[in-house]
Amino acid sequence: MSAHTLDKLIMMANQIARNLTHEADPVTMIADHIKAFWSPRMIQQITPVLSETGSARLDPVAHAALSRLVSQSAHAT
């Protein structure tokens, strides 16, 4: 995976967060949106960003949503 691809995934996750941050439960809404519209490969490609120190490149709400998806995925297998 190229750095360009990862940067684009981060940008997309942050855009989704900006658009859904005013929902009653934005973490759930973002997680549901990503699960519905992203391929498992896309989620797998962005997962390493979650463990970066401070994860500064991800909006905090996007980070929480992606962390939830990864956690649910780990428990499903």
PDB file of N, CA and C in Angstrom:
ATOM      1  N   MET A   1       0.840  -1.170   0.000  1.00  0.00           N
ATOM      2  CA  MET A   1       0.000   0.000   0.000  1.00  0.00           C
ATOM      3  C   MET A   1       0.888   1.236   0.000  1.00  0.00           C
ATOM      4  N   SER A   2       0.506   2.175  -0.795  1.00  0.00           N
ATOM      5  CA  SER A   2       1.288   3.404  -0.857  1.00  0.00           C
ATOM      6  C   SER A   2       0.859   4.372   0.242  1.00  0.00           C
ATOM      7  N   ALA A   3       1.745   5.276   0.551  1.00  0.00           N
ATOM      8  CA  ALA A   3       1.423   6.327   1.527  1.00  0.00           C
ATOM      9  C   ALA A   3       0.263   7.172   1.027  1.00  0.00           C
ATOM     10  N   HIS A   4       0.195   7.326  -0.293  1.00  0.00           N
ATOM     11  CA  HIS A   4      -0.893   8.101  -0.894  1.00  0.00           C
ATOM     12  C   HIS A   4      -2.246   7.459  -0.587  1.00  0.00           C
ATOM     13  N   THR A   5      -2.328   6.134  -0.686  1.00  0.00           N
ATOM     14  CA  THR A   5      -3.570   5.422  -0.392  1.00  0.00           C
ATOM     15  C   THR A   5      -3.962   5.614   1.063  1.00  0.00           C
ATOM     16  N   LEU A   6      -3.010   5.476   1.970  1.00  0.00           N
ATOM     17  CA  LEU A   6      -3.294   5.667   3.383  1.00  0.00           C
ATOM     18  C   LEU A   6      -3.742   7.091   3.662  1.00  0.00           C
ATOM     19  N   ASP A   7      -3.071   8.058   3.081  1.00  0.00           N
ATOM     20  CA  ASP A   7      -3.473   9.456   3.262  1.00  0.00           C
ATOM     21  C   ASP A   7      -4.905   9.685   2.788  1.00  0.00           C
ATOM     22  N   LYS A   8      -5.272   9.053   1.689  1.00  0.00           N
ATOM     23  CA  LYS A   8      -6.624   9.215   1.158  1.00  0.00           C
ATOM     24  C   LYS A   8      -7.656   8.578   2.096  1.00  0.00           C
ATOM     25  N   LEU A   9      -7.346   7.414   2.642  1.00  0.00           N
ATOM     26  CA  LEU A   9      -8.259   6.774   3.589  1.00  0.00           C
ATOM     27  C   LEU A   9      -8.441   7.628   4.843  1.00  0.00           C
ATOM     28  N   ILE A  10      -7.360   8.199   5.329  1.00  0.00           N
ATOM     29  CA  ILE A  10      -7.444   9.093   6.499  1.00  0.00           C
ATOM     30  C   ILE A  10      -8.308  10.297   6.171  1.00  0.00           C
ATOM     31  N   MET A  11      -8.090  10.882   5.000  1.00  0.00           N
ATOM     32  CA  MET A  11      -8.886  12.031   4.585  1.00  0.00           C
ATOM     33  C   MET A  11     -10.374  11.658   4.521  1.00  0.00           C
ATOM     34  N   MET A  12     -10.672  10.491   3.961  1.00  0.00           N
ATOM     35  CA  MET A  12     -12.066  10.049   3.849  1.00  0.00           C
ATOM     36  C   MET A  12     -12.694   9.829   5.222  1.00  0.00           C
ATOM     37  N   ALA A  13     -11.975   9.180   6.128  1.00  0.00           N
ATOM     38  CA  ALA A  13     -12.497   8.951   7.478  1.00  0.00           C
ATOM     39  C   ALA A  13     -12.760  10.272   8.181  1.00  0.00           C
ATOM     40  N   ASN A  14     -11.856  11.220   8.015  1.00  0.00           N
ATOM     41  CA  ASN A  14     -12.036  12.537   8.645  1.00  0.00           C
ATOM     42  C   ASN A  14     -13.216  13.291   8.038  1.00  0.00           C
ATOM     43  N   GLN A  15     -13.445  13.150   6.733  1.00  0.00           N
ATOM     44  CA  GLN A  15     -14.603  13.786   6.098  1.00  0.00           C
ATOM     45  C   GLN A  15     -15.902  13.194   6.636  1.00  0.00           C
ATOM     46  N   ILE A  16     -15.940  11.882   6.757  1.00  0.00           N
ATOM     47  CA  ILE A  16     -17.133  11.230   7.301  1.00  0.00           C
ATOM     48  C   ILE A  16     -17.386  11.740   8.718  1.00  0.00           C
ATOM     49  N   ALA A  17     -16.332  11.827   9.510  1.00  0.00           N
ATOM     50  CA  ALA A  17     -16.473  12.322  10.889  1.00  0.00           C
ATOM     51  C   ALA A  17     -17.008  13.746  10.910  1.00  0.00           C
ATOM     52  N   ARG A  18     -16.474  14.598  10.054  1.00  0.00           N
ATOM     53  CA  ARG A  18     -16.961  15.986  10.020  1.00  0.00           C
ATOM     54  C   ARG A  18     -18.441  16.041   9.655  1.00  0.00           C
ATOM     55  N   ASN A  19     -18.871  15.188   8.748  1.00  0.00           N
ATOM     56  CA  ASN A  19     -20.262  15.211   8.307  1.00  0.00           C
ATOM     57  C   ASN A  19     -21.226  14.593   9.314  1.00  0.00           C
ATOM     58  N   LEU A  20     -20.748  13.708  10.153  1.00  0.00           N
ATOM     59  CA  LEU A  20     -21.634  13.009  11.082  1.00  0.00           C
ATOM     60  C   LEU A  20     -21.403  13.362  12.539  1.00  0.00           C
ATOM     61  N   THR A  21     -20.491  14.261  12.813  1.00  0.00           N
ATOM     62  CA  THR A  21     -20.128  14.567  14.197  1.00  0.00           C
ATOM     63  C   THR A  21     -21.285  15.176  15.002  1.00  0.00           C
ATOM     64  N   HIS A  22     -22.287  15.727  14.334  1.00  0.00           N
ATOM     65  CA  HIS A  22     -23.390  16.365  15.051  1.00  0.00           C
ATOM     66  C   HIS A  22     -24.565  15.417  15.271  1.00  0.00           C
ATOM     67  N   GLU A  23     -24.410  14.159  14.884  1.00  0.00           N
ATOM     68  CA  GLU A  23     -25.446  13.154  15.130  1.00  0.00           C
ATOM     69  C   GLU A  23     -25.496  12.831  16.623  1.00  0.00           C
ATOM     70  N   ALA A  24     -26.586  12.224  17.041  1.00  0.00           N
ATOM     71  CA  ALA A  24     -26.749  11.890  18.458  1.00  0.00           C
ATOM     72  C   ALA A  24     -25.655  10.935  18.946  1.00  0.00           C
ATOM     73  N   ASP A  25     -25.270   9.983  18.120  1.00  0.00           N
ATOM     74  CA  ASP A  25     -24.215   9.023  18.464  1.00  0.00           C
ATOM     75  C   ASP A  25     -23.250   8.936  17.280  1.00  0.00           C
ATOM     76  N   PRO A  26     -22.368   9.932  17.149  1.00  0.00           N
ATOM     77  CA  PRO A  26     -21.524   9.995  15.955  1.00  0.00           C
ATOM     78  C   PRO A  26     -20.588   8.799  15.781  1.00  0.00           C
ATOM     79  N   VAL A  27     -20.084   8.227  16.863  1.00  0.00           N
ATOM     80  CA  VAL A  27     -19.172   7.088  16.739  1.00  0.00           C
ATOM     81  C   VAL A  27     -19.895   5.920  16.070  1.00  0.00           C
ATOM     82  N   THR A  28     -21.099   5.640  16.514  1.00  0.00           N
ATOM     83  CA  THR A  28     -21.882   4.558  15.912  1.00  0.00           C
ATOM     84  C   THR A  28     -22.221   4.865  14.463  1.00  0.00           C
ATOM     85  N   MET A  29     -22.620   6.089  14.186  1.00  0.00           N
ATOM     86  CA  MET A  29     -22.975   6.469  12.821  1.00  0.00           C
ATOM     87  C   MET A  29     -21.781   6.333  11.874  1.00  0.00           C
ATOM     88  N   ILE A  30     -20.624   6.777  12.314  1.00  0.00           N
ATOM     89  CA  ILE A  30     -19.415   6.698  11.488  1.00  0.00           C
ATOM     90  C   ILE A  30     -19.018   5.237  11.295  1.00  0.00           C
ATOM     91  N   ALA A  31     -19.037   4.457  12.369  1.00  0.00           N
ATOM     92  CA  ALA A  31     -18.690   3.037  12.266  1.00  0.00           C
ATOM     93  C   ALA A  31     -19.645   2.322  11.308  1.00  0.00           C
ATOM     94  N   ASP A  32     -20.925   2.606  11.422  1.00  0.00           N
ATOM     95  CA  ASP A  32     -21.914   1.982  10.536  1.00  0.00           C
ATOM     96  C   ASP A  32     -21.685   2.381   9.086  1.00  0.00           C
ATOM     97  N   HIS A  33     -21.378   3.651   8.868  1.00  0.00           N
ATOM     98  CA  HIS A  33     -21.134   4.135   7.506  1.00  0.00           C
ATOM     99  C   HIS A  33     -19.902   3.458   6.904  1.00  0.00           C
ATOM    100  N   ILE A  34     -18.836   3.420   7.646  1.00  0.00           N
ATOM    101  CA  ILE A  34     -17.602   2.810   7.143  1.00  0.00           C
ATOM    102  C   ILE A  34     -17.816   1.317   6.887  1.00  0.00           C
ATOM    103  N   LYS A  35     -18.493   0.647   7.798  1.00  0.00           N
ATOM    104  CA  LYS A  35     -18.753  -0.785   7.623  1.00  0.00           C
ATOM    105  C   LYS A  35     -19.597  -1.041   6.372  1.00  0.00           C
ATOM    106  N   ALA A  36     -20.534  -0.151   6.098  1.00  0.00           N
ATOM    107  CA  ALA A  36     -21.426  -0.328   4.952  1.00  0.00           C
ATOM    108  C   ALA A  36     -20.753  -0.018   3.615  1.00  0.00           C
ATOM    109  N   PHE A  37     -19.852   0.953   3.600  1.00  0.00           N
ATOM    110  CA  PHE A  37     -19.343   1.453   2.325  1.00  0.00           C
ATOM    111  C   PHE A  37     -17.864   1.199   2.056  1.00  0.00           C
ATOM    112  N   TRP A  38     -17.112   0.789   3.049  1.00  0.00           N
ATOM    113  CA  TRP A  38     -15.693   0.495   2.851  1.00  0.00           C
ATOM    114  C   TRP A  38     -15.502  -1.004   2.752  1.00  0.00           C
ATOM    115  N   SER A  39     -14.554  -1.392   1.964  1.00  0.00           N
ATOM    116  CA  SER A  39     -14.221  -2.816   1.877  1.00  0.00           C
ATOM    117  C   SER A  39     -13.416  -3.208   3.121  1.00  0.00           C
ATOM    118  N   PRO A  40     -13.425  -4.497   3.459  1.00  0.00           N
ATOM    119  CA  PRO A  40     -12.591  -4.943   4.582  1.00  0.00           C
ATOM    120  C   PRO A  40     -11.116  -4.577   4.370  1.00  0.00           C
ATOM    121  N   ARG A  41     -10.671  -4.586   3.130  1.00  0.00           N
ATOM    122  CA  ARG A  41      -9.274  -4.237   2.837  1.00  0.00           C
ATOM    123  C   ARG A  41      -8.984  -2.775   3.196  1.00  0.00           C
ATOM    124  N   MET A  42      -9.922  -1.889   2.901  1.00  0.00           N
ATOM    125  CA  MET A  42      -9.726  -0.470   3.239  1.00  0.00           C
ATOM    126  C   MET A  42      -9.593  -0.297   4.747  1.00  0.00           C
ATOM    127  N   ILE A  43     -10.453  -0.987   5.490  1.00  0.00           N
ATOM    128  CA  ILE A  43     -10.398  -0.899   6.952  1.00  0.00           C
ATOM    129  C   ILE A  43      -9.076  -1.467   7.459  1.00  0.00           C
ATOM    130  N   GLN A  44      -8.654  -2.575   6.863  1.00  0.00           N
ATOM    131  CA  GLN A  44      -7.375  -3.185   7.249  1.00  0.00           C
ATOM    132  C   GLN A  44      -6.211  -2.234   6.967  1.00  0.00           C
ATOM    133  N   GLN A  45      -6.278  -1.506   5.854  1.00  0.00           N
ATOM    134  CA  GLN A  45      -5.187  -0.606   5.485  1.00  0.00           C
ATOM    135  C   GLN A  45      -5.064   0.587   6.424  1.00  0.00           C
ATOM    136  N   ILE A  46      -6.175   1.035   6.994  1.00  0.00           N
ATOM    137  CA  ILE A  46      -6.116   2.212   7.872  1.00  0.00           C
ATOM    138  C   ILE A  46      -5.853   1.813   9.327  1.00  0.00           C
ATOM    139  N   THR A  47      -6.012   0.555   9.657  1.00  0.00           N
ATOM    140  CA  THR A  47      -5.848   0.081  11.033  1.00  0.00           C
ATOM    141  C   THR A  47      -4.515   0.467  11.681  1.00  0.00           C
ATOM    142  N   PRO A  48      -3.373   0.399  10.985  1.00  0.00           N
ATOM    143  CA  PRO A  48      -2.105   0.774  11.643  1.00  0.00           C
ATOM    144  C   PRO A  48      -2.084   2.208  12.176  1.00  0.00           C
ATOM    145  N   VAL A  49      -2.871   3.079  11.593  1.00  0.00           N
ATOM    146  CA  VAL A  49      -2.906   4.477  12.049  1.00  0.00           C
ATOM    147  C   VAL A  49      -3.466   4.555  13.465  1.00  0.00           C
ATOM    148  N   LEU A  50      -4.323   3.619  13.836  1.00  0.00           N
ATOM    149  CA  LEU A  50      -4.951   3.642  15.155  1.00  0.00           C
ATOM    150  C   LEU A  50      -3.941   3.514  16.280  1.00  0.00           C
ATOM    151  N   SER A  51      -2.824   2.845  16.007  1.00  0.00           N
ATOM    152  CA  SER A  51      -1.826   2.633  17.049  1.00  0.00           C
ATOM    153  C   SER A  51      -0.690   3.652  17.020  1.00  0.00           C
ATOM    154  N   GLU A  52      -0.735   4.578  16.073  1.00  0.00           N
ATOM    155  CA  GLU A  52       0.292   5.622  16.039  1.00  0.00           C
ATOM    156  C   GLU A  52       0.188   6.482  17.288  1.00  0.00           C
ATOM    157  N   THR A  53       1.292   6.952  17.769  1.00  0.00           N
ATOM    158  CA  THR A  53       1.312   7.784  18.963  1.00  0.00           C
ATOM    159  C   THR A  53       0.419   9.001  18.767  1.00  0.00           C
ATOM    160  N   GLY A  54      -0.622   9.062  19.558  1.00  0.00           N
ATOM    161  CA  GLY A  54      -1.539  10.184  19.494  1.00  0.00           C
ATOM    162  C   GLY A  54      -2.517  10.116  18.339  1.00  0.00           C
ATOM    163  N   SER A  55      -2.264   9.291  17.351  1.00  0.00           N
ATOM    164  CA  SER A  55      -3.127   9.173  16.173  1.00  0.00           C
ATOM    165  C   SER A  55      -3.589  10.538  15.686  1.00  0.00           C
ATOM    166  N   ALA A  56      -2.669  11.465  15.627  1.00  0.00           N
ATOM    167  CA  ALA A  56      -2.987  12.863  15.335  1.00  0.00           C
ATOM    168  C   ALA A  56      -3.602  13.080  13.959  1.00  0.00           C
ATOM    169  N   ARG A  57      -3.382  12.153  13.049  1.00  0.00           N
ATOM    170  CA  ARG A  57      -3.907  12.367  11.699  1.00  0.00           C
ATOM    171  C   ARG A  57      -5.397  12.066  11.596  1.00  0.00           C
ATOM    172  N   LEU A  58      -5.945  11.345  12.544  1.00  0.00           N
ATOM    173  CA  LEU A  58      -7.364  11.010  12.519  1.00  0.00           C
ATOM    174  C   LEU A  58      -8.162  11.889  13.472  1.00  0.00           C
ATOM    175  N   ASP A  59      -9.313  12.331  13.018  1.00  0.00           N
ATOM    176  CA  ASP A  59     -10.266  13.019  13.882  1.00  0.00           C
ATOM    177  C   ASP A  59     -10.556  12.070  15.063  1.00  0.00           C
ATOM    178  N   PRO A  60     -10.650  12.580  16.280  1.00  0.00           N
ATOM    179  CA  PRO A  60     -10.868  11.710  17.440  1.00  0.00           C
ATOM    180  C   PRO A  60     -12.129  10.841  17.329  1.00  0.00           C
ATOM    181  N   VAL A  61     -13.186  11.382  16.727  1.00  0.00           N
ATOM    182  CA  VAL A  61     -14.414  10.607  16.586  1.00  0.00           C
ATOM    183  C   VAL A  61     -14.234   9.516  15.524  1.00  0.00           C
ATOM    184  N   ALA A  62     -13.520   9.822  14.448  1.00  0.00           N
ATOM    185  CA  ALA A  62     -13.210   8.812  13.432  1.00  0.00           C
ATOM    186  C   ALA A  62     -12.334   7.721  14.042  1.00  0.00           C
ATOM    187  N   HIS A  63     -11.383   8.112  14.862  1.00  0.00           N
ATOM    188  CA  HIS A  63     -10.508   7.152  15.540  1.00  0.00           C
ATOM    189  C   HIS A  63     -11.337   6.211  16.408  1.00  0.00           C
ATOM    190  N   ALA A  64     -12.266   6.765  17.168  1.00  0.00           N
ATOM    191  CA  ALA A  64     -13.107   5.939  18.041  1.00  0.00           C
ATOM    192  C   ALA A  64     -13.967   4.973  17.222  1.00  0.00           C
ATOM    193  N   ALA A  65     -14.506   5.456  16.109  1.00  0.00           N
ATOM    194  CA  ALA A  65     -15.342   4.605  15.259  1.00  0.00           C
ATOM    195  C   ALA A  65     -14.535   3.475  14.639  1.00  0.00           C
ATOM    196  N   LEU A  66     -13.368   3.797  14.122  1.00  0.00           N
ATOM    197  CA  LEU A  66     -12.519   2.772  13.519  1.00  0.00           C
ATOM    198  C   LEU A  66     -12.025   1.781  14.570  1.00  0.00           C
ATOM    199  N   SER A  67     -11.697   2.267  15.740  1.00  0.00           N
ATOM    200  CA  SER A  67     -11.284   1.372  16.829  1.00  0.00           C
ATOM    201  C   SER A  67     -12.408   0.406  17.181  1.00  0.00           C
ATOM    202  N   ARG A  68     -13.634   0.920  17.206  1.00  0.00           N
ATOM    203  CA  ARG A  68     -14.782   0.064  17.483  1.00  0.00           C
ATOM    204  C   ARG A  68     -14.932  -1.011  16.406  1.00  0.00           C
ATOM    205  N   LEU A  69     -14.806  -0.614  15.141  1.00  0.00           N
ATOM    206  CA  LEU A  69     -14.928  -1.582  14.042  1.00  0.00           C
ATOM    207  C   LEU A  69     -13.868  -2.670  14.143  1.00  0.00           C
ATOM    208  N   VAL A  70     -12.642  -2.265  14.409  1.00  0.00           N
ATOM    209  CA  VAL A  70     -11.541  -3.235  14.515  1.00  0.00           C
ATOM    210  C   VAL A  70     -11.793  -4.174  15.695  1.00  0.00           C
ATOM    211  N   SER A  71     -12.247  -3.623  16.800  1.00  0.00           N
ATOM    212  CA  SER A  71     -12.536  -4.437  17.987  1.00  0.00           C
ATOM    213  C   SER A  71     -13.670  -5.419  17.706  1.00  0.00           C
ATOM    214  N   GLN A  72     -14.726  -4.958  17.045  1.00  0.00           N
ATOM    215  CA  GLN A  72     -15.857  -5.844  16.708  1.00  0.00           C
ATOM    216  C   GLN A  72     -15.401  -6.938  15.761  1.00  0.00           C
ATOM    217  N   SER A  73     -14.552  -6.580  14.830  1.00  0.00           N
ATOM    218  CA  SER A  73     -14.044  -7.546  13.856  1.00  0.00           C
ATOM    219  C   SER A  73     -13.211  -8.619  14.566  1.00  0.00           C
ATOM    220  N   ALA A  74     -12.411  -8.190  15.531  1.00  0.00           N
ATOM    221  CA  ALA A  74     -11.567  -9.138  16.262  1.00  0.00           C
ATOM    222  C   ALA A  74     -12.406 -10.101  17.090  1.00  0.00           C
ATOM    223  N   HIS A  75     -13.516  -9.607  17.634  1.00  0.00           N
ATOM    224  CA  HIS A  75     -14.382 -10.466  18.438  1.00  0.00           C
ATOM    225  C   HIS A  75     -15.248 -11.370  17.581  1.00  0.00           C
ATOM    226  N   ALA A  76     -15.462 -11.001  16.330  1.00  0.00           N
ATOM    227  CA  ALA A  76     -16.304 -11.798  15.435  1.00  0.00           C
ATOM    228  C   ALA A  76     -15.598 -13.030  14.915  1.00  0.00           C
ATOM    229  N   THR A  77     -14.270 -13.017  14.954  1.00  0.00           N
ATOM    230  CA  THR A  77     -13.525 -14.157  14.416  1.00  0.00           C
ATOM    231  C   THR A  77     -13.119 -15.125  15.485  1.00  0.00           C
TER     232      THR A  77
END
